[in-house]
C-alpha atoms as a PDB file:
ATOM      1  CA  MET A   1     112.364  72.154 100.518  1.00  0.00           C
ATOM      2  CA  ALA A   2     110.638  75.398 101.491  1.00  0.00           C
ATOM      3  CA  VAL A   3     112.781  78.481 101.991  1.00  0.00           C
ATOM      4  CA  LYS A   4     112.226  80.092 105.362  1.00  0.00           C
ATOM      5  CA  ARG A   5     111.489  83.805 105.368  1.00  0.00           C
ATOM      6  CA  LYS A   6     111.997  86.174 108.243  1.00  0.00           C
ATOM      7  CA  THR A   7     109.412  88.693 109.330  1.00  0.00           C
ATOM      8  CA  PRO A   8     110.032  91.929 107.400  1.00  0.00           C
ATOM      9  CA  THR A   9     112.486  94.261 109.118  1.00  0.00           C
ATOM     10  CA  SER A  10     112.750  97.980 108.521  1.00  0.00           C
ATOM     11  CA  ARG A  11     115.577  99.636 106.651  1.00  0.00           C
ATOM     12  CA  PRO A  12     117.356 102.681 108.135  1.00  0.00           C
ATOM     13  CA  ASP A  13     114.736 104.988 106.574  1.00  0.00           C
ATOM     14  CA  GLY A  14     111.987 103.115 108.429  1.00  0.00           C
ATOM     15  CA  ARG A  15     110.492 101.515 105.329  1.00  0.00           C
ATOM     16  CA  VAL A  16     109.803  97.800 105.261  1.00  0.00           C
ATOM     17  CA  PRO A  17     111.136  96.054 102.142  1.00  0.00           C
ATOM     18  CA  PRO A  18     108.531  94.086 100.189  1.00  0.00           C
ATOM     19  CA  THR A  19     108.383  90.344 100.797  1.00  0.00           C
ATOM     20  CA  ALA A  20     108.110  89.759  97.048  1.00  0.00           C
ATOM     21  CA  ALA A  21     109.175  91.767  94.030  1.00  0.00           C
ATOM     22  CA  PRO A  22     106.827  94.745  93.529  1.00  0.00           C
ATOM     23  CA  GLY A  23     103.977  93.735  91.254  1.00  0.00           C
ATOM     24  CA  GLU A  24     104.672  90.007  91.657  1.00  0.00           C
ATOM     25  CA  LEU A  25     102.942  89.282  94.974  1.00  0.00           C
ATOM     26  CA  LYS A  26     100.348  86.551  94.470  1.00  0.00           C
ATOM     27  CA  PHE A  27      97.079  85.979  96.311  1.00  0.00           C
ATOM     28  CA  GLY A  28      95.290  82.805  97.292  1.00  0.00           C
ATOM     29  CA  ALA A  29      93.111  80.925  94.838  1.00  0.00           C
ATOM     30  CA  SER A  30      89.672  82.350  94.214  1.00  0.00           C
ATOM     31  CA  ASP A  31      86.934  80.795  96.316  1.00  0.00           C
ATOM     32  CA  GLY A  32      84.075  82.138  94.225  1.00  0.00           C
ATOM     33  CA  PHE A  33      83.428  85.121  96.501  1.00  0.00           C
ATOM     34  CA  GLN A  34      84.155  87.765  93.853  1.00  0.00           C
ATOM     35  CA  SER A  35      82.137  86.124  91.092  1.00  0.00           C
ATOM     36  CA  GLU A  36      79.166  85.621  93.390  1.00  0.00           C
ATOM     37  CA  LEU A  37      79.381  89.207  94.590  1.00  0.00           C
ATOM     38  CA  ARG A  38      79.441  90.590  91.063  1.00  0.00           C
ATOM     39  CA  LYS A  39      76.505  88.371  90.183  1.00  0.00           C
ATOM     40  CA  ARG A  40      74.453  89.786  93.057  1.00  0.00           C
ATOM     41  CA  VAL A  41      75.387  93.373  92.254  1.00  0.00           C
ATOM     42  CA  GLU A  42      74.469  92.906  88.590  1.00  0.00           C
ATOM     43  CA  GLU A  43      71.147  91.448  89.680  1.00  0.00           C
ATOM     44  CA  TYR A  44      70.511  94.480  91.897  1.00  0.00           C
ATOM     45  CA  PHE A  45      70.944  96.883  88.993  1.00  0.00           C
ATOM     46  CA  ARG A  46      68.825  94.753  86.674  1.00  0.00           C
ATOM     47  CA  SER A  47      65.983  94.512  89.178  1.00  0.00           C
ATOM     48  CA  SER A  48      66.136  98.197  90.158  1.00  0.00           C
ATOM     49  CA  GLY A  49      66.427  99.488  86.595  1.00  0.00           C
ATOM     50  CA  ARG A  50      69.297 101.773  87.575  1.00  0.00           C
ATOM     51  CA  GLY A  51      72.401 102.362  85.522  1.00  0.00           C
ATOM     52  CA  GLN A  52      75.804 101.665  87.017  1.00  0.00           C
ATOM     53  CA  ARG A  53      77.270 104.869  85.580  1.00  0.00           C
ATOM     54  CA  ASP A  54      76.141 108.127  83.907  1.00  0.00           C
ATOM     55  CA  CYS A  55      73.889 108.857  86.858  1.00  0.00           C
ATOM     56  CA  PRO A  56      71.988 112.191  86.454  1.00  0.00           C
ATOM     57  CA  GLN A  57      72.313 112.858  90.185  1.00  0.00           C
ATOM     58  CA  MET A  58      76.091 112.554  89.861  1.00  0.00           C
ATOM     59  CA  TYR A  59      76.186 115.130  87.072  1.00  0.00           C
ATOM     60  CA  LEU A  60      74.104 117.474  89.237  1.00  0.00           C
ATOM     61  CA  LYS A  61      76.404 116.831  92.183  1.00  0.00           C
ATOM     62  CA  THR A  62      79.405 117.654  89.989  1.00  0.00           C
ATOM     63  CA  ALA A  63      77.835 120.981  89.057  1.00  0.00           C
ATOM     64  CA  ILE A  64      77.145 121.782  92.722  1.00  0.00           C
ATOM     65  CA  ILE A  65      80.671 120.944  93.872  1.00  0.00           C
ATOM     66  CA  GLY A  66      82.195 122.731  90.887  1.00  0.00           C
ATOM     67  CA  GLY A  67      80.144 125.832  91.633  1.00  0.00           C
ATOM     68  CA  TRP A  68      81.167 125.620  95.298  1.00  0.00           C
ATOM     69  CA  PHE A  69      84.835 125.544  94.284  1.00  0.00           C
ATOM     70  CA  VAL A  70      84.585 128.387  91.753  1.00  0.00           C
ATOM     71  CA  ALA A  71      82.584 130.617  94.113  1.00  0.00           C
ATOM     72  CA  SER A  72      84.969 130.040  97.034  1.00  0.00           C
ATOM     73  CA  TYR A  73      88.023 130.730  94.894  1.00  0.00           C
ATOM     74  CA  ALA A  74      86.565 133.806  93.181  1.00  0.00           C
ATOM     75  CA  LEU A  75      85.381 135.387  96.418  1.00  0.00           C
ATOM     76  CA  LEU A  76      88.668 134.671  98.188  1.00  0.00           C
ATOM     77  CA  VAL A  77      90.946 135.960  95.414  1.00  0.00           C
ATOM     78  CA  PHE A  78      88.954 138.749  93.778  1.00  0.00           C
ATOM     79  CA  CYS A  79      86.447 140.074  96.294  1.00  0.00           C
ATOM     80  CA  VAL A  80      87.504 139.744  99.936  1.00  0.00           C
ATOM     81  CA  GLY A  81      90.133 142.019 101.433  1.00  0.00           C
ATOM     82  CA  THR A  82      89.876 141.307 105.161  1.00  0.00           C
ATOM     83  CA  GLY A  83      91.264 138.341 107.066  1.00  0.00           C
ATOM     84  CA  TRP A  84      88.140 137.583 109.078  1.00  0.00           C
ATOM     85  CA  LEU A  85      86.272 136.937 105.824  1.00  0.00           C
ATOM     86  CA  ALA A  86      89.193 135.361 103.966  1.00  0.00           C
ATOM     87  CA  LEU A  87      89.776 132.598 106.508  1.00  0.00           C
ATOM     88  CA  PRO A  88      86.295 131.005 106.312  1.00  0.00           C
ATOM     89  CA  LEU A  89      86.487 131.243 102.525  1.00  0.00           C
ATOM     90  CA  ALA A  90      89.859 129.474 102.571  1.00  0.00           C
ATOM     91  CA  ILE A  91      88.280 126.736 104.710  1.00  0.00           C
ATOM     92  CA  LEU A  92      85.368 126.438 102.278  1.00  0.00           C
ATOM     93  CA  LEU A  93      87.827 126.293  99.379  1.00  0.00           C
ATOM     94  CA  GLY A  94      89.771 123.490 101.084  1.00  0.00           C
ATOM     95  CA  LEU A  95      86.565 121.541 101.703  1.00  0.00           C
ATOM     96  CA  SER A  96      85.476 122.003  98.089  1.00  0.00           C
ATOM     97  CA  MET A  97      88.829 120.681  96.852  1.00  0.00           C
ATOM     98  CA  ALA A  98      88.451 117.638  99.085  1.00  0.00           C
ATOM     99  CA  ALA A  99      84.920 117.119  97.735  1.00  0.00           C
ATOM    100  CA  ILE A 100      86.223 117.254  94.166  1.00  0.00           C
ATOM    101  CA  GLY A 101      88.760 114.583  95.035  1.00  0.00           C
ATOM    102  CA  PHE A 102      86.288 112.344  96.842  1.00  0.00           C
ATOM    103  CA  ASN A 103      83.582 112.541  94.202  1.00  0.00           C
ATOM    104  CA  ILE A 104      84.469 113.818  90.743  1.00  0.00           C
ATOM    105  CA  GLN A 105      88.108 112.820  90.440  1.00  0.00           C
ATOM    106  CA  HIS A 106      87.791 109.511  92.263  1.00  0.00           C
ATOM    107  CA  ASP A 107      84.878 108.226  90.180  1.00  0.00           C
ATOM    108  CA  GLY A 108      86.526 109.429  86.991  1.00  0.00           C
ATOM    109  CA  GLY A 109      89.848 107.851  87.946  1.00  0.00           C
ATOM    110  CA  HIS A 110      88.139 104.503  88.559  1.00  0.00           C
ATOM    111  CA  ARG A 111      86.167 104.816  85.278  1.00  0.00           C
ATOM    112  CA  ALA A 112      83.038 104.648  87.395  1.00  0.00           C
ATOM    113  CA  TYR A 113      81.640 108.053  86.455  1.00  0.00           C
ATOM    114  CA  SER A 114      80.495 107.327  82.911  1.00  0.00           C
ATOM    115  CA  ASN A 115      80.351 104.662  80.222  1.00  0.00           C
ATOM    116  CA  ARG A 116      82.202 107.119  77.988  1.00  0.00           C
ATOM    117  CA  ARG A 117      85.960 106.988  78.290  1.00  0.00           C
ATOM    118  CA  TRP A 118      86.485 110.683  77.526  1.00  0.00           C
ATOM    119  CA  ILE A 119      84.105 111.746  80.307  1.00  0.00           C
ATOM    120  CA  ASN A 120      85.930 109.578  82.832  1.00  0.00           C
ATOM    121  CA  LYS A 121      89.226 111.073  81.642  1.00  0.00           C
ATOM    122  CA  LEU A 122      87.867 114.611  81.933  1.00  0.00           C
ATOM    123  CA  MET A 123      86.622 114.029  85.468  1.00  0.00           C
ATOM    124  CA  ALA A 124      89.910 112.402  86.477  1.00  0.00           C
ATOM    125  CA  LEU A 125      91.738 115.503  85.194  1.00  0.00           C
ATOM    126  CA  SER A 126      90.107 117.532  87.967  1.00  0.00           C
ATOM    127  CA  LEU A 127      92.975 116.266  90.133  1.00  0.00           C
ATOM    128  CA  ASP A 128      95.448 118.086  87.885  1.00  0.00           C
ATOM    129  CA  LEU A 129      93.455 121.262  88.464  1.00  0.00           C
ATOM    130  CA  LEU A 130      94.051 120.751  92.199  1.00  0.00           C
ATOM    131  CA  GLY A 131      97.808 120.393  91.768  1.00  0.00           C
ATOM    132  CA  GLY A 132      98.035 116.613  91.710  1.00  0.00           C
ATOM    133  CA  SER A 133      98.585 114.290  88.777  1.00  0.00           C
ATOM    134  CA  SER A 134      95.847 112.031  87.421  1.00  0.00           C
ATOM    135  CA  TYR A 135      98.537 109.994  85.638  1.00  0.00           C
ATOM    136  CA  ILE A 136     100.485 109.231  88.808  1.00  0.00           C
ATOM    137  CA  TRP A 137      97.303 108.781  90.873  1.00  0.00           C
ATOM    138  CA  ALA A 138      96.105 106.043  88.514  1.00  0.00           C
ATOM    139  CA  ARG A 139      99.296 104.086  89.186  1.00  0.00           C
ATOM    140  CA  LYS A 140      99.649 104.891  92.873  1.00  0.00           C
ATOM    141  CA  HIS A 141      96.000 104.444  93.849  1.00  0.00           C
ATOM    142  CA  ASN A 142      94.393 102.094  91.337  1.00  0.00           C
ATOM    143  CA  SER A 143      97.324  99.744  90.775  1.00  0.00           C
ATOM    144  CA  ILE A 144      99.350  99.842  93.994  1.00  0.00           C
ATOM    145  CA  HIS A 145      96.966 100.798  96.796  1.00  0.00           C
ATOM    146  CA  HIS A 146      93.957  98.865  95.487  1.00  0.00           C
ATOM    147  CA  GLY A 147      96.152  95.969  94.444  1.00  0.00           C
ATOM    148  CA  TYR A 148      97.949  95.557  97.782  1.00  0.00           C
ATOM    149  CA  ALA A 149      95.788  97.312 100.380  1.00  0.00           C
ATOM    150  CA  ASN A 150      97.357  97.291 103.870  1.00  0.00           C
ATOM    151  CA  ILE A 151     100.156  94.893 102.882  1.00  0.00           C
ATOM    152  CA  THR A 152     103.295  96.222 104.531  1.00  0.00           C
ATOM    153  CA  GLY A 153     106.089  96.821 102.053  1.00  0.00           C
ATOM    154  CA  HIS A 154     103.706  96.886  99.089  1.00  0.00           C
ATOM    155  CA  ASP A 155     101.002  99.470  99.850  1.00  0.00           C
ATOM    156  CA  ASP A 156     102.774 102.823  99.585  1.00  0.00           C
ATOM    157  CA  ASP A 157      99.846 104.663 101.182  1.00  0.00           C
ATOM    158  CA  ILE A 158     100.578 103.168 104.613  1.00  0.00           C
ATOM    159  CA  ASP A 159     104.319 103.838 104.363  1.00  0.00           C
ATOM    160  CA  LEU A 160     105.405 107.127 105.946  1.00  0.00           C
ATOM    161  CA  GLY A 161     108.955 106.003 106.644  1.00  0.00           C
ATOM    162  CA  LEU A 162     110.263 106.969 110.060  1.00  0.00           C
ATOM    163  CA  LEU A 163     107.640 109.678 110.524  1.00  0.00           C
ATOM    164  CA  ALA A 164     104.844 107.370 111.618  1.00  0.00           C
ATOM    165  CA  ARG A 165     103.843 103.772 112.151  1.00  0.00           C
ATOM    166  CA  LEU A 166     100.627 102.888 110.330  1.00  0.00           C
ATOM    167  CA  SER A 167     101.104  99.124 110.272  1.00  0.00           C
ATOM    168  CA  PRO A 168     101.851  96.750 113.167  1.00  0.00           C
ATOM    169  CA  HIS A 169     104.637  95.253 111.058  1.00  0.00           C
ATOM    170  CA  GLN A 170     106.551  98.526 110.713  1.00  0.00           C
ATOM    171  CA  ARG A 171     109.441  99.564 112.917  1.00  0.00           C
ATOM    172  CA  ARG A 172     108.342 101.152 116.179  1.00  0.00           C
ATOM    173  CA  LEU A 173     110.244 104.151 117.516  1.00  0.00           C
ATOM    174  CA  LYS A 174     109.777 105.923 120.829  1.00  0.00           C
ATOM    175  CA  PHE A 175     108.318 109.099 119.354  1.00  0.00           C
ATOM    176  CA  HIS A 176     105.611 107.135 117.551  1.00  0.00           C
ATOM    177  CA  ARG A 177     103.690 107.075 120.836  1.00  0.00           C
ATOM    178  CA  LEU A 178     103.012 110.763 120.115  1.00  0.00           C
ATOM    179  CA  GLN A 179     101.957 110.349 116.497  1.00  0.00           C
ATOM    180  CA  HIS A 180      98.292 110.812 117.339  1.00  0.00           C
ATOM    181  CA  PHE A 181      99.272 114.416 118.155  1.00  0.00           C
ATOM    182  CA  TYR A 182     101.802 115.410 115.500  1.00  0.00           C
ATOM    183  CA  LEU A 183     100.293 113.546 112.539  1.00  0.00           C
ATOM    184  CA  TRP A 184      97.548 116.164 112.293  1.00  0.00           C
ATOM    185  CA  ALA A 185     100.116 118.723 111.142  1.00  0.00           C
ATOM    186  CA  LEU A 186     101.590 116.265 108.648  1.00  0.00           C
ATOM    187  CA  TYR A 187      98.128 115.450 107.295  1.00  0.00           C
ATOM    188  CA  GLY A 188      97.614 119.123 106.569  1.00  0.00           C
ATOM    189  CA  LEU A 189     100.878 119.393 104.652  1.00  0.00           C
ATOM    190  CA  LEU A 190     100.237 116.371 102.425  1.00  0.00           C
ATOM    191  CA  PRO A 191      98.674 118.305  99.494  1.00  0.00           C
ATOM    192  CA  ILE A 192     101.610 120.731  99.450  1.00  0.00           C
ATOM    193  CA  LYS A 193     104.018 117.806  99.474  1.00  0.00           C
ATOM    194  CA  TRP A 194     102.209 116.192  96.544  1.00  0.00           C
ATOM    195  CA  GLN A 195     102.096 119.424  94.586  1.00  0.00           C
ATOM    196  CA  PHE A 196     105.721 120.477  95.031  1.00  0.00           C
ATOM    197  CA  TYR A 197     107.657 117.255  95.621  1.00  0.00           C
ATOM    198  CA  ASP A 198     106.020 113.830  95.335  1.00  0.00           C
ATOM    199  CA  ASP A 199     104.697 114.126  91.779  1.00  0.00           C
ATOM    200  CA  PHE A 200     107.936 115.569  90.418  1.00  0.00           C
ATOM    201  CA  ARG A 201     110.038 112.976  92.216  1.00  0.00           C
ATOM    202  CA  ALA A 202     107.890 110.148  90.863  1.00  0.00           C
ATOM    203  CA  MET A 203     108.146 111.568  87.352  1.00  0.00           C
ATOM    204  CA  VAL A 204     111.939 111.825  87.512  1.00  0.00           C
ATOM    205  CA  THR A 205     112.606 108.459  89.160  1.00  0.00           C
ATOM    206  CA  GLY A 206     109.780 106.472  87.591  1.00  0.00           C
ATOM    207  CA  ARG A 207     109.080 104.955  91.002  1.00  0.00           C
ATOM    208  CA  ILE A 208     106.339 105.054  93.608  1.00  0.00           C
ATOM    209  CA  GLY A 209     107.781 103.475  96.728  1.00  0.00           C
ATOM    210  CA  GLU A 210     109.177 100.125  95.619  1.00  0.00           C
ATOM    211  CA  HIS A 211     107.098 100.065  92.438  1.00  0.00           C
ATOM    212  CA  GLN A 212     108.269 101.171  89.001  1.00  0.00           C
ATOM    213  CA  PHE A 213     105.976 102.698  86.404  1.00  0.00           C
ATOM    214  CA  ALA A 214     106.330 103.917  82.826  1.00  0.00           C
ATOM    215  CA  HIS A 215     107.157 107.587  82.346  1.00  0.00           C
ATOM    216  CA  PRO A 216     104.300 109.520  80.705  1.00  0.00           C
ATOM    217  CA  LYS A 217     104.629 110.365  77.052  1.00  0.00           C
ATOM    218  CA  GLY A 218     102.690 112.410  74.534  1.00  0.00           C
ATOM    219  CA  TRP A 219      99.459 113.842  75.860  1.00  0.00           C
ATOM    220  CA  ASP A 220     100.017 112.312  79.290  1.00  0.00           C
ATOM    221  CA  LEU A 221     103.199 114.362  79.648  1.00  0.00           C
ATOM    222  CA  VAL A 222     101.493 117.467  78.267  1.00  0.00           C
ATOM    223  CA  THR A 223      98.681 116.982  80.782  1.00  0.00           C
ATOM    224  CA  PHE A 224     101.130 116.660  83.663  1.00  0.00           C
ATOM    225  CA  ILE A 225     103.048 119.829  82.760  1.00  0.00           C
ATOM    226  CA  GLY A 226      99.936 121.774  81.790  1.00  0.00           C
ATOM    227  CA  GLY A 227      98.104 120.738  84.939  1.00  0.00           C
ATOM    228  CA  LYS A 228     100.941 121.914  87.160  1.00  0.00           C
ATOM    229  CA  ALA A 229     101.125 125.209  85.248  1.00  0.00           C
ATOM    230  CA  VAL A 230      97.398 125.834  85.611  1.00  0.00           C
ATOM    231  CA  PHE A 231      97.423 124.951  89.303  1.00  0.00           C
ATOM    232  CA  PHE A 232     100.400 127.145  90.212  1.00  0.00           C
ATOM    233  CA  SER A 233      98.826 129.991  88.236  1.00  0.00           C
ATOM    234  CA  LEU A 234      95.530 129.672  90.119  1.00  0.00           C
ATOM    235  CA  ALA A 235      97.057 129.018  93.525  1.00  0.00           C
ATOM    236  CA  LEU A 236      99.952 131.495  93.502  1.00  0.00           C
ATOM    237  CA  VAL A 237     100.543 133.597  90.387  1.00  0.00           C
ATOM    238  CA  ILE A 238      97.115 135.216  90.028  1.00  0.00           C
ATOM    239  CA  PRO A 239      96.667 135.840  93.782  1.00  0.00           C
ATOM    240  CA  LEU A 240     100.164 137.379  93.970  1.00  0.00           C
ATOM    241  CA  LEU A 241      99.134 139.949  91.378  1.00  0.00           C
ATOM    242  CA  LEU A 242      96.394 141.150  93.731  1.00  0.00           C
ATOM    243  CA  HIS A 243      97.562 140.490  97.293  1.00  0.00           C
ATOM    244  CA  PRO A 244     100.726 140.601  99.467  1.00  0.00           C
ATOM    245  CA  VAL A 245     102.972 137.561  99.472  1.00  0.00           C
ATOM    246  CA  TRP A 246     102.293 136.783 103.137  1.00  0.00           C
ATOM    247  CA  ALA A 247      98.520 136.791 102.592  1.00  0.00           C
ATOM    248  CA  VAL A 248      98.704 134.541  99.540  1.00  0.00           C
ATOM    249  CA  LEU A 249     100.931 132.006 101.296  1.00  0.00           C
ATOM    250  CA  LEU A 250      98.874 132.111 104.487  1.00  0.00           C
ATOM    251  CA  PHE A 251      95.553 131.344 102.842  1.00  0.00           C
ATOM    252  CA  TYR A 252      97.074 128.899 100.365  1.00  0.00           C
ATOM    253  CA  VAL A 253      98.409 126.929 103.329  1.00  0.00           C
ATOM    254  CA  ALA A 254      95.101 127.271 105.188  1.00  0.00           C
ATOM    255  CA  ALA A 255      93.102 125.813 102.287  1.00  0.00           C
ATOM    256  CA  SER A 256      95.679 123.047 101.787  1.00  0.00           C
ATOM    257  CA  VAL A 257      95.649 122.091 105.471  1.00  0.00           C
ATOM    258  CA  VAL A 258      91.859 121.719 105.465  1.00  0.00           C
ATOM    259  CA  GLN A 259      92.008 119.615 102.317  1.00  0.00           C
ATOM    260  CA  GLY A 260      94.849 117.445 103.618  1.00  0.00           C
ATOM    261  CA  VAL A 261      93.330 116.760 107.025  1.00  0.00           C
ATOM    262  CA  VAL A 262      89.948 115.801 105.565  1.00  0.00           C
ATOM    263  CA  LEU A 263      91.453 113.512 102.911  1.00  0.00           C
ATOM    264  CA  SER A 264      93.772 111.841 105.422  1.00  0.00           C
ATOM    265  CA  VAL A 265      91.142 111.244 108.096  1.00  0.00           C
ATOM    266  CA  VAL A 266      88.824 109.535 105.606  1.00  0.00           C
ATOM    267  CA  PHE A 267      91.685 107.297 104.465  1.00  0.00           C
ATOM    268  CA  GLN A 268      92.679 106.447 108.033  1.00  0.00           C
ATOM    269  CA  LEU A 269      89.135 105.566 109.076  1.00  0.00           C
ATOM    270  CA  ALA A 270      88.887 103.116 106.178  1.00  0.00           C
ATOM    271  CA  HIS A 271      92.272 101.430 106.610  1.00  0.00           C
ATOM    272  CA  CYS A 272      94.308 102.266 109.711  1.00  0.00           C
ATOM    273  CA  VAL A 273      91.997 101.209 112.522  1.00  0.00           C
ATOM    274  CA  GLU A 274      91.820  98.158 114.783  1.00  0.00           C
ATOM    275  CA  GLU A 275      89.144  96.457 112.676  1.00  0.00           C
ATOM    276  CA  ALA A 276      91.271  96.460 109.516  1.00  0.00           C
ATOM    277  CA  ALA A 277      93.614  93.540 108.829  1.00  0.00           C
ATOM    278  CA  PHE A 278      97.295  93.977 107.953  1.00  0.00           C
ATOM    279  CA  PRO A 279      98.150  90.501 106.647  1.00  0.00           C
ATOM    280  CA  LEU A 280     101.558  89.431 105.385  1.00  0.00           C
ATOM    281  CA  PRO A 281     102.420  86.773 102.809  1.00  0.00           C
ATOM    282  CA  ARG A 282     102.854  83.244 104.111  1.00  0.00           C
ATOM    283  CA  LYS A 283     106.420  82.506 105.116  1.00  0.00           C
ATOM    284  CA  ASP A 284     106.475  79.116 103.410  1.00  0.00           C
ATOM    285  CA  THR A 285     105.051  80.164 100.025  1.00  0.00           C
ATOM    286  CA  GLY A 286     105.545  83.924  99.826  1.00  0.00           C
ATOM    287  CA  ARG A 287     101.864  84.233  98.754  1.00  0.00           C
ATOM    288  CA  MET A 288      98.937  85.874 100.455  1.00  0.00           C
ATOM    289  CA  GLU A 289      96.669  83.326 102.102  1.00  0.00           C
ATOM    290  CA  ALA A 290      93.363  84.945 101.141  1.00  0.00           C
ATOM    291  CA  ALA A 291      92.030  85.449  97.646  1.00  0.00           C
ATOM    292  CA  TRP A 292      92.373  89.012  96.374  1.00  0.00           C
ATOM    293  CA  ALA A 293      88.679  89.916  96.717  1.00  0.00           C
ATOM    294  CA  VAL A 294      88.505  88.481 100.247  1.00  0.00           C
ATOM    295  CA  HIS A 295      91.641  90.402 101.179  1.00  0.00           C
ATOM    296  CA  GLN A 296      90.000  93.663 100.052  1.00  0.00           C
ATOM    297  CA  VAL A 297      87.115  93.087 102.454  1.00  0.00           C
ATOM    298  CA  GLU A 298      89.392  92.148 105.344  1.00  0.00           C
ATOM    299  CA  ALA A 299      91.760  95.111 104.890  1.00  0.00           C
ATOM    300  CA  THR A 300      89.097  97.831 104.721  1.00  0.00           C
ATOM    301  CA  VAL A 301      86.432  99.148 107.076  1.00  0.00           C
ATOM    302  CA  ASP A 302      83.101 100.923 106.623  1.00  0.00           C
ATOM    303  CA  PHE A 303      82.274 103.848 108.901  1.00  0.00           C
ATOM    304  CA  ALA A 304      79.407 106.292 109.559  1.00  0.00           C
ATOM    305  CA  ARG A 305      77.118 104.258 107.302  1.00  0.00           C
ATOM    306  CA  ARG A 306      73.985 106.088 108.472  1.00  0.00           C
ATOM    307  CA  SER A 307      75.226 109.613 107.831  1.00  0.00           C
ATOM    308  CA  ARG A 308      73.730 110.817 104.573  1.00  0.00           C
ATOM    309  CA  LEU A 309      75.484 114.170 104.780  1.00  0.00           C
ATOM    310  CA  LEU A 310      78.900 112.576 105.200  1.00  0.00           C
ATOM    311  CA  SER A 311      78.162 110.050 102.447  1.00  0.00           C
ATOM    312  CA  TRP A 312      77.265 112.887 100.105  1.00  0.00           C
ATOM    313  CA  PHE A 313      80.378 114.901 100.928  1.00  0.00           C
ATOM    314  CA  ILE A 314      82.914 112.061 100.684  1.00  0.00           C
ATOM    315  CA  GLY A 315      81.232 110.351  97.767  1.00  0.00           C
ATOM    316  CA  GLY A 316      80.250 107.161  99.561  1.00  0.00           C
ATOM    317  CA  LEU A 317      83.809 106.355 100.626  1.00  0.00           C
ATOM    318  CA  ASN A 318      82.442 105.540 104.070  1.00  0.00           C
ATOM    319  CA  PHE A 319      81.151 102.412 102.281  1.00  0.00           C
ATOM    320  CA  GLN A 320      84.733 101.374 101.677  1.00  0.00           C
ATOM    321  CA  ILE A 321      84.148  97.613 101.576  1.00  0.00           C
ATOM    322  CA  GLU A 322      81.551  98.074  98.839  1.00  0.00           C
ATOM    323  CA  HIS A 323      83.873 100.348  96.895  1.00  0.00           C
ATOM    324  CA  ARG A 324      86.714  97.821  97.125  1.00  0.00           C
ATOM    325  CA  SER A 325      84.468  95.000  96.028  1.00  0.00           C
ATOM    326  CA  VAL A 326      83.296  96.687  92.816  1.00  0.00           C
ATOM    327  CA  THR A 327      85.289  99.813  91.885  1.00  0.00           C
ATOM    328  CA  SER A 328      83.733 100.477  88.472  1.00  0.00           C
ATOM    329  CA  ILE A 329      80.283 101.508  89.732  1.00  0.00           C
ATOM    330  CA  THR A 330      79.528 105.086  90.691  1.00  0.00           C
ATOM    331  CA  ARG A 331      79.698 105.198  94.458  1.00  0.00           C
ATOM    332  CA  ARG A 332      76.371 106.957  94.830  1.00  0.00           C
ATOM    333  CA  PHE A 333      74.747 103.513  94.845  1.00  0.00           C
ATOM    334  CA  HIS A 334      77.054 101.799  97.331  1.00  0.00           C
ATOM    335  CA  CYS A 335      74.692 102.185 100.261  1.00  0.00           C
ATOM    336  CA  SER A 336      71.832 100.760  98.148  1.00  0.00           C
ATOM    337  CA  TRP A 337      73.432  97.398  97.450  1.00  0.00           C
ATOM    338  CA  SER A 338      75.727  97.139 100.475  1.00  0.00           C
ATOM    339  CA  ARG A 339      73.448  94.510 102.085  1.00  0.00           C
ATOM    340  CA  ARG A 340      74.296  92.158  99.254  1.00  0.00           C
ATOM    341  CA  VAL A 341      77.932  92.278 100.342  1.00  0.00           C
ATOM    342  CA  ARG A 342      77.198  91.798 104.036  1.00  0.00           C
ATOM    343  CA  ASN A 343      74.706  88.996 103.467  1.00  0.00           C
ATOM    344  CA  MET A 344      77.504  86.924 101.931  1.00  0.00           C
ATOM    345  CA  GLY A 345      79.231  86.795 105.338  1.00  0.00           C
END
């Protein structure tokens, strides 16, 4: 006799409890979509003679973005003394940090940058330079978000508690009708929240939303502590030796707001729009109806596919369906083989 399940209801904090134990949610049986897709992608790279990773253009792009970041930071901290010049530099610094996240860190974190493990690790560590944690990101993004994209109660990235409603299955409050106004401010504060609160809380509790993860040990712990120390030194300590407190805080916040808004908008365009699905597990079985690979396609959306400039800046994340289908290939080539995904319709 099947056990009837109710539609998920929110707790007092606005969060929807998972319909299955975290990490135990099952998907429908494979229908051959993923294997056929991988076969076609492999054939594309064989016929084109291109490598899936260690792309020379990606190394050049890394140097360009890295130089952009270093130049913006150096000019802002060591050279400029007037606000009308400092503000555009802070904006450029925020954009460069977003570009590092979209391109260098993201490919490294997905082991899509290189065939060499140490290079992928090095590129992923760029997130620690920006005040985040590559260790926590690997669990939060790779395991949880990619594993349960847009599934209410499981995907922590669409769970903002009472502050906002990003899923149709979440509790709706009266002030949510205004979230398209006030969320912009919250987007801008996200990097600061990660840097000062989220990472430390996750490390202490060993939890990301409803999901548990192993505390870092050895070099992973050293990397976490060392990364935070380096970031706070670059972001606050060194600037405070040269500038007034108010100026340091003002332009630190300005750069963070630019970074946060850009990162958040790209995420929202790929997931929290009308075209994206927000499926729930079946009430009779507690399993997802679609196979995992099919679910990834249904829960994500491509956008601005013809904009080469945007594709360059956000590392091909506008080809989100392609990225979800095969995460271990450098995203520079997503637009090249995207037709092979769409032709499987």
